[in-house]
Amino acid sequence: MLIMVGLGNPGAQYAGNRHNIGFMAVDEIARAGGFSPWSKKFHGEIAEGSIAGRKVILLKPLTFMNESGRSVQAAAAFYKIPPADIVVFHDELDLPPGKVRVKTGGGHGGHNGLRSIDAHLGKEYRRVRLGIGHPGSKERVNPHVLGDFAKVDREWLEPMLETVARNAPSLVAGEDAVFMNKVTLATGGSEEPAGAKGGAGKAKGESHVRQARPTETRAATGPMAGMLRRLLGGGDPN
């Protein structure tokens, strides 16, 4: 069994936030994979299904970001799932919009959701880093991360989410490099050099929403998804 966790904050007022891209990813996986309806459990919402013949539990913690670990720990304890079989989808400032990277272990990079999971489960779980870009200066990071995606962001956000969901079988099989290559090719991006690492220049101990580092942005094009129309259709561009 595998647990796939999407990080975000509960409530309609946060639904379109960049910080909630983890929720959006597991929502798309649930939709594309024909998972069960969402139900309340483990201080969160879960949906059950299977991917590539393996049982998968999707989890959206409803504890708010900085307490995400309580929900993940409760689910992992109930199903007796080790950290190696937990995959966490989260927003990443240090990747350009639409860029996706997977890593196992390592630091939390100031992300309070990862910080909480580290405290409850340790660090040896897999992280799917979903790039949201940076606002250009440290002072603008808080409203950027906790602000809604702009309408123009649909051009890269929808194809990225659809591609992540479509290639979830590679994640389930533990083929992280294959997953990254497929997502990169499908969204029109290019691979970063092997061994490249993000996070340079960040102040240690700072919250994820207080950090920023200039990076190159790149957009992909694609059709509009109904989910994103609901989330972003009424808001002004940021």
Foldseek 3Di string as FASTA:
>chain_A
DAEEEFEFEDDLLQCQFLFRLSVVLVVLLCVVQVWADWDDDLQWTWTWDDDPRHTYIYTYHHPHQLQLLSSVLSVCVVVVNAQQRYEYEGEDQQDAALAKAKDAFDDPLQENNQVNNCVNHNGGHMYIYHYPYAPPDLVCLQCRRRPGAAPVSQFRSVQLSNLLSVLVNCVNVVNRVVSNVSSCVSQVHDDDPPPDDTNPPFDPPHHPSRDHDHDDHDGGGDDGDPVVCVSHVPDHHD
